[in-house]
Each structure stands twice: as structure tokens, then as C-alpha cells.
Amino acid sequence: MLVQSILKSKAGSGVVTVPAKASVAEAAKILAEKRIGTVVVSDDGETALGILSERDIVRELAASGADCLTRAVSDYMTKELVTCTVETTVESLMSQMTEGRFRHMPVIEDGKLIGIVTLGDVVKAQLSELAMEKDALQGMIMGH
């Protein structure tokens, strides 16, 4: 299975972005309102500059206190993005996410941000694929 299959199955495939100059408080508000764990940092909505997660915010709050909420997301975002394409296999995606210990991966095509895949998306896709295989095997065994 490829990433493009996961993106097609997602109800809302849009990516929530914030500009690099947005405050951490603004990003936290968006995360809470949208009930998501990560925002992609992008000034134009197409070029991924970094990624900021709830974990990034919590770690900085613990390290430096509430003052971090007034700083720009660019100060705390992960700048070394690990990305994938629509042609990336789910197996490769799972491996990268597990090894890198992250749960969100931007999908980039021709240098442009076209989606984001979460670990939950991957698990859902894998469970769906397993269910289809199980049904097919049961049908073969029962002669249907």
C-alpha cells in the first residue's frame, strides 16, 4: 500500500499550517481548536519550513516556562523535516516513524506540501488491508 491510498481515504486531506512568525500561543490555540497534534510551519501554505507538535510546546514550557508562548514557532519547530511522497510505501513510512519516534509526516510532491500522514492513519490503513485479506481468505476457504 502506498501513501496516496491513505491520503485518498482521509476525509479532510488539508494540512493545517502556521506561518514561521506565528507565536507558540497561536499555534497551541490552533492545535486545541482543530484537535490535532501537529502543525506544519509554512509561510505560503505550500513550502514546509518545519513542524511543531504538542510535545515540542510542552517540552519548551517545562524548560523555560510560559515565556515561550510569546516566541515565534520558528524558534521551536523541528527544522530537519522527514517527509514522504505519495509513492512511499506504508512499510517504509512505519519504519521511518518508528525509528524517528514521531507520529506525523508531511507529504511533499514537486517541492509542495500536499498532505500529512499520521501514525493513526497508517494503523487504520493497515487494519483495513488486513480485514480485506481476511475476508478474501475466508471466501476462498468457503468456496465463495
C-alpha atoms as a PDB file:
ATOM      1  CA  MET A   1       0.000   0.000   0.000  1.00  0.00           C
ATOM      2  CA  LEU A   2       1.180   3.499  -0.835  1.00  0.00           C
ATOM      3  CA  VAL A   3       0.779   6.861   0.921  1.00  0.00           C
ATOM      4  CA  GLN A   4      -1.523   8.029  -1.879  1.00  0.00           C
ATOM      5  CA  SER A   5      -4.070   5.399  -0.751  1.00  0.00           C
ATOM      6  CA  ILE A   6      -4.010   6.782   2.773  1.00  0.00           C
ATOM      7  CA  LEU A   7      -4.448  10.360   1.562  1.00  0.00           C
ATOM      8  CA  LYS A   8      -7.416   9.339  -0.606  1.00  0.00           C
ATOM      9  CA  SER A   9      -9.114   7.669   2.365  1.00  0.00           C
ATOM     10  CA  LYS A  10      -8.743  10.655   4.679  1.00  0.00           C
ATOM     11  CA  ALA A  11     -11.902  12.745   4.999  1.00  0.00           C
ATOM     12  CA  GLY A  12     -10.168  16.101   5.249  1.00  0.00           C
ATOM     13  CA  SER A  13      -6.840  15.935   3.479  1.00  0.00           C
ATOM     14  CA  GLY A  14      -5.950  19.573   4.026  1.00  0.00           C
ATOM     15  CA  VAL A  15      -2.885  20.383   6.076  1.00  0.00           C
ATOM     16  CA  VAL A  16      -3.079  22.889   8.905  1.00  0.00           C
ATOM     17  CA  THR A  17      -0.189  25.326   8.627  1.00  0.00           C
ATOM     18  CA  VAL A  18       1.030  28.325  10.582  1.00  0.00           C
ATOM     19  CA  PRO A  19       3.496  30.987   9.451  1.00  0.00           C
ATOM     20  CA  ALA A  20       7.006  30.888  10.936  1.00  0.00           C
ATOM     21  CA  LYS A  21       6.406  34.186  12.739  1.00  0.00           C
ATOM     22  CA  ALA A  22       3.216  32.988  14.469  1.00  0.00           C
ATOM     23  CA  SER A  23       3.515  32.809  18.238  1.00  0.00           C
ATOM     24  CA  VAL A  24       3.655  29.490  20.033  1.00  0.00           C
ATOM     25  CA  ALA A  25       0.420  30.535  21.791  1.00  0.00           C
ATOM     26  CA  GLU A  26      -1.286  30.988  18.410  1.00  0.00           C
ATOM     27  CA  ALA A  27      -0.086  27.557  17.302  1.00  0.00           C
ATOM     28  CA  ALA A  28      -1.257  25.979  20.575  1.00  0.00           C
ATOM     29  CA  LYS A  29      -4.693  27.539  20.101  1.00  0.00           C
ATOM     30  CA  ILE A  30      -4.948  26.082  16.593  1.00  0.00           C
ATOM     31  CA  LEU A  31      -3.872  22.656  17.851  1.00  0.00           C
ATOM     32  CA  ALA A  32      -6.550  22.761  20.551  1.00  0.00           C
ATOM     33  CA  GLU A  33      -9.314  24.086  18.283  1.00  0.00           C
ATOM     34  CA  LYS A  34      -8.630  21.589  15.498  1.00  0.00           C
ATOM     35  CA  ARG A  35      -7.942  18.737  17.968  1.00  0.00           C
ATOM     36  CA  ILE A  36      -4.700  17.857  16.188  1.00  0.00           C
ATOM     37  CA  GLY A  37      -1.194  17.123  17.423  1.00  0.00           C
ATOM     38  CA  THR A  38       0.949  18.954  14.893  1.00  0.00           C
ATOM     39  CA  VAL A  39       1.029  21.979  12.626  1.00  0.00           C
ATOM     40  CA  VAL A  40       3.288  22.355   9.637  1.00  0.00           C
ATOM     41  CA  VAL A  41       5.178  25.648   9.598  1.00  0.00           C
ATOM     42  CA  SER A  42       4.782  27.296   6.197  1.00  0.00           C
ATOM     43  CA  ASP A  43       4.663  30.925   5.167  1.00  0.00           C
ATOM     44  CA  ASP A  44       2.880  30.210   1.882  1.00  0.00           C
ATOM     45  CA  GLY A  45       0.898  27.050   2.669  1.00  0.00           C
ATOM     46  CA  GLU A  46       2.952  25.082   0.123  1.00  0.00           C
ATOM     47  CA  THR A  47       6.557  25.100   1.310  1.00  0.00           C
ATOM     48  CA  ALA A  48       7.142  23.180   4.545  1.00  0.00           C
ATOM     49  CA  LEU A  49       9.717  25.019   6.657  1.00  0.00           C
ATOM     50  CA  GLY A  50       9.300  22.881   9.749  1.00  0.00           C
ATOM     51  CA  ILE A  51       6.844  21.143  12.024  1.00  0.00           C
ATOM     52  CA  LEU A  52       5.670  21.972  15.543  1.00  0.00           C
ATOM     53  CA  SER A  53       3.997  19.417  17.771  1.00  0.00           C
ATOM     54  CA  GLU A  54       2.243  19.460  21.113  1.00  0.00           C
ATOM     55  CA  ARG A  55       5.283  17.674  22.507  1.00  0.00           C
ATOM     56  CA  ASP A  56       7.579  20.468  21.308  1.00  0.00           C
ATOM     57  CA  ILE A  57       5.439  23.024  23.130  1.00  0.00           C
ATOM     58  CA  VAL A  58       5.211  21.001  26.336  1.00  0.00           C
ATOM     59  CA  ARG A  59       8.968  20.388  26.412  1.00  0.00           C
ATOM     60  CA  GLU A  60       9.672  24.104  25.991  1.00  0.00           C
ATOM     61  CA  LEU A  61       7.109  25.058  28.628  1.00  0.00           C
ATOM     62  CA  ALA A  62       8.860  22.714  31.051  1.00  0.00           C
ATOM     63  CA  ALA A  63      12.301  24.066  30.142  1.00  0.00           C
ATOM     64  CA  SER A  64      11.666  27.803  30.013  1.00  0.00           C
ATOM     65  CA  GLY A  65       8.170  28.473  31.325  1.00  0.00           C
ATOM     66  CA  ALA A  66       5.264  30.394  29.864  1.00  0.00           C
ATOM     67  CA  ASP A  67       7.555  32.963  28.212  1.00  0.00           C
ATOM     68  CA  CYS A  68       7.960  30.560  25.298  1.00  0.00           C
ATOM     69  CA  LEU A  69       4.313  31.159  24.370  1.00  0.00           C
ATOM     70  CA  THR A  70       5.154  34.648  23.101  1.00  0.00           C
ATOM     71  CA  ARG A  71       8.049  33.486  20.944  1.00  0.00           C
ATOM     72  CA  ALA A  72       7.792  32.548  17.254  1.00  0.00           C
ATOM     73  CA  VAL A  73       7.100  28.947  16.281  1.00  0.00           C
ATOM     74  CA  SER A  74      10.270  29.092  14.176  1.00  0.00           C
ATOM     75  CA  ASP A  75      12.257  29.161  17.435  1.00  0.00           C
ATOM     76  CA  TYR A  76      10.947  25.734  18.483  1.00  0.00           C
ATOM     77  CA  MET A  77       9.892  23.926  15.318  1.00  0.00           C
ATOM     78  CA  THR A  78      11.702  20.879  14.047  1.00  0.00           C
ATOM     79  CA  LYS A  79      13.597  22.186  11.034  1.00  0.00           C
ATOM     80  CA  GLU A  80      15.043  18.868   9.838  1.00  0.00           C
ATOM     81  CA  LEU A  81      11.834  17.568   8.316  1.00  0.00           C
ATOM     82  CA  VAL A  82      11.405  13.938   7.430  1.00  0.00           C
ATOM     83  CA  THR A  83       8.915  13.787   4.580  1.00  0.00           C
ATOM     84  CA  CYS A  84       7.446  11.271   2.184  1.00  0.00           C
ATOM     85  CA  THR A  85       5.778  11.265  -1.221  1.00  0.00           C
ATOM     86  CA  VAL A  86       2.565   9.678  -2.477  1.00  0.00           C
ATOM     87  CA  GLU A  87       4.709   6.806  -3.788  1.00  0.00           C
ATOM     88  CA  THR A  88       6.200   5.976  -0.362  1.00  0.00           C
ATOM     89  CA  THR A  89       5.142   2.550   0.884  1.00  0.00           C
ATOM     90  CA  VAL A  90       3.314   2.180   4.167  1.00  0.00           C
ATOM     91  CA  GLU A  91       6.045  -0.207   5.337  1.00  0.00           C
ATOM     92  CA  SER A  92       8.703   2.433   4.727  1.00  0.00           C
ATOM     93  CA  LEU A  93       6.565   5.065   6.431  1.00  0.00           C
ATOM     94  CA  MET A  94       6.064   2.913   9.526  1.00  0.00           C
ATOM     95  CA  SER A  95       9.771   2.193   9.714  1.00  0.00           C
ATOM     96  CA  GLN A  96      10.725   5.874   9.463  1.00  0.00           C
ATOM     97  CA  MET A  97       8.126   6.925  12.035  1.00  0.00           C
ATOM     98  CA  THR A  98       9.166   4.208  14.470  1.00  0.00           C
ATOM     99  CA  GLU A  99      12.895   4.867  14.115  1.00  0.00           C
ATOM    100  CA  GLY A 100      12.455   8.648  14.289  1.00  0.00           C
ATOM    101  CA  ARG A 101       9.933   8.427  17.148  1.00  0.00           C
ATOM    102  CA  PHE A 102       7.433  10.804  15.549  1.00  0.00           C
ATOM    103  CA  ARG A 103       3.774  10.471  14.627  1.00  0.00           C
ATOM    104  CA  HIS A 104       3.253  12.944  11.784  1.00  0.00           C
ATOM    105  CA  MET A 105       4.888  13.072   8.357  1.00  0.00           C
ATOM    106  CA  PRO A 106       4.312  15.744   5.715  1.00  0.00           C
ATOM    107  CA  VAL A 107       3.698  14.502   2.174  1.00  0.00           C
ATOM    108  CA  ILE A 108       5.631  16.513  -0.420  1.00  0.00           C
ATOM    109  CA  GLU A 109       5.272  16.388  -4.206  1.00  0.00           C
ATOM    110  CA  ASP A 110       7.346  18.589  -6.521  1.00  0.00           C
ATOM    111  CA  GLY A 111       8.530  20.581  -3.513  1.00  0.00           C
ATOM    112  CA  LYS A 112       4.970  21.362  -2.395  1.00  0.00           C
ATOM    113  CA  LEU A 113       3.118  20.252   0.708  1.00  0.00           C
ATOM    114  CA  ILE A 114       0.114  18.183  -0.373  1.00  0.00           C
ATOM    115  CA  GLY A 115      -0.864  16.348   2.799  1.00  0.00           C
ATOM    116  CA  ILE A 116       0.142  14.930   6.135  1.00  0.00           C
ATOM    117  CA  VAL A 117       0.023  11.324   7.283  1.00  0.00           C
ATOM    118  CA  THR A 118      -0.285  10.376  10.925  1.00  0.00           C
ATOM    119  CA  LEU A 119       0.608   7.150  12.658  1.00  0.00           C
ATOM    120  CA  GLY A 120      -3.128   6.723  13.283  1.00  0.00           C
ATOM    121  CA  ASP A 121      -3.763   6.958   9.530  1.00  0.00           C
ATOM    122  CA  VAL A 122      -1.168   4.248   8.944  1.00  0.00           C
ATOM    123  CA  VAL A 123      -2.649   1.933  11.585  1.00  0.00           C
ATOM    124  CA  LYS A 124      -6.163   2.444  10.188  1.00  0.00           C
ATOM    125  CA  ALA A 125      -4.968   1.648   6.657  1.00  0.00           C
ATOM    126  CA  GLN A 126      -3.133  -1.471   7.812  1.00  0.00           C
ATOM    127  CA  LEU A 127      -6.174  -2.729   9.751  1.00  0.00           C
ATOM    128  CA  SER A 128      -8.398  -2.145   6.727  1.00  0.00           C
ATOM    129  CA  GLU A 129      -6.000  -4.047   4.490  1.00  0.00           C
ATOM    130  CA  LEU A 130      -5.821  -6.948   6.965  1.00  0.00           C
ATOM    131  CA  ALA A 131      -9.631  -7.113   7.148  1.00  0.00           C
ATOM    132  CA  MET A 132      -9.880  -7.291   3.344  1.00  0.00           C
ATOM    133  CA  GLU A 133      -7.254 -10.054   3.211  1.00  0.00           C
ATOM    134  CA  LYS A 134      -9.056 -11.982   5.952  1.00  0.00           C
ATOM    135  CA  ASP A 135     -12.371 -11.729   4.099  1.00  0.00           C
ATOM    136  CA  ALA A 136     -10.748 -12.854   0.844  1.00  0.00           C
ATOM    137  CA  LEU A 137      -9.117 -15.860   2.522  1.00  0.00           C
ATOM    138  CA  GLN A 138     -12.369 -16.842   4.250  1.00  0.00           C
ATOM    139  CA  GLY A 139     -14.155 -16.596   0.906  1.00  0.00           C
ATOM    140  CA  MET A 140     -11.565 -18.845  -0.727  1.00  0.00           C
ATOM    141  CA  ILE A 141     -11.766 -21.420   2.070  1.00  0.00           C
ATOM    142  CA  MET A 142     -15.559 -21.497   1.998  1.00  0.00           C
ATOM    143  CA  GLY A 143     -15.653 -21.610  -1.781  1.00  0.00           C
ATOM    144  CA  HIS A 144     -17.325 -18.232  -2.369  1.00  0.00           C
END
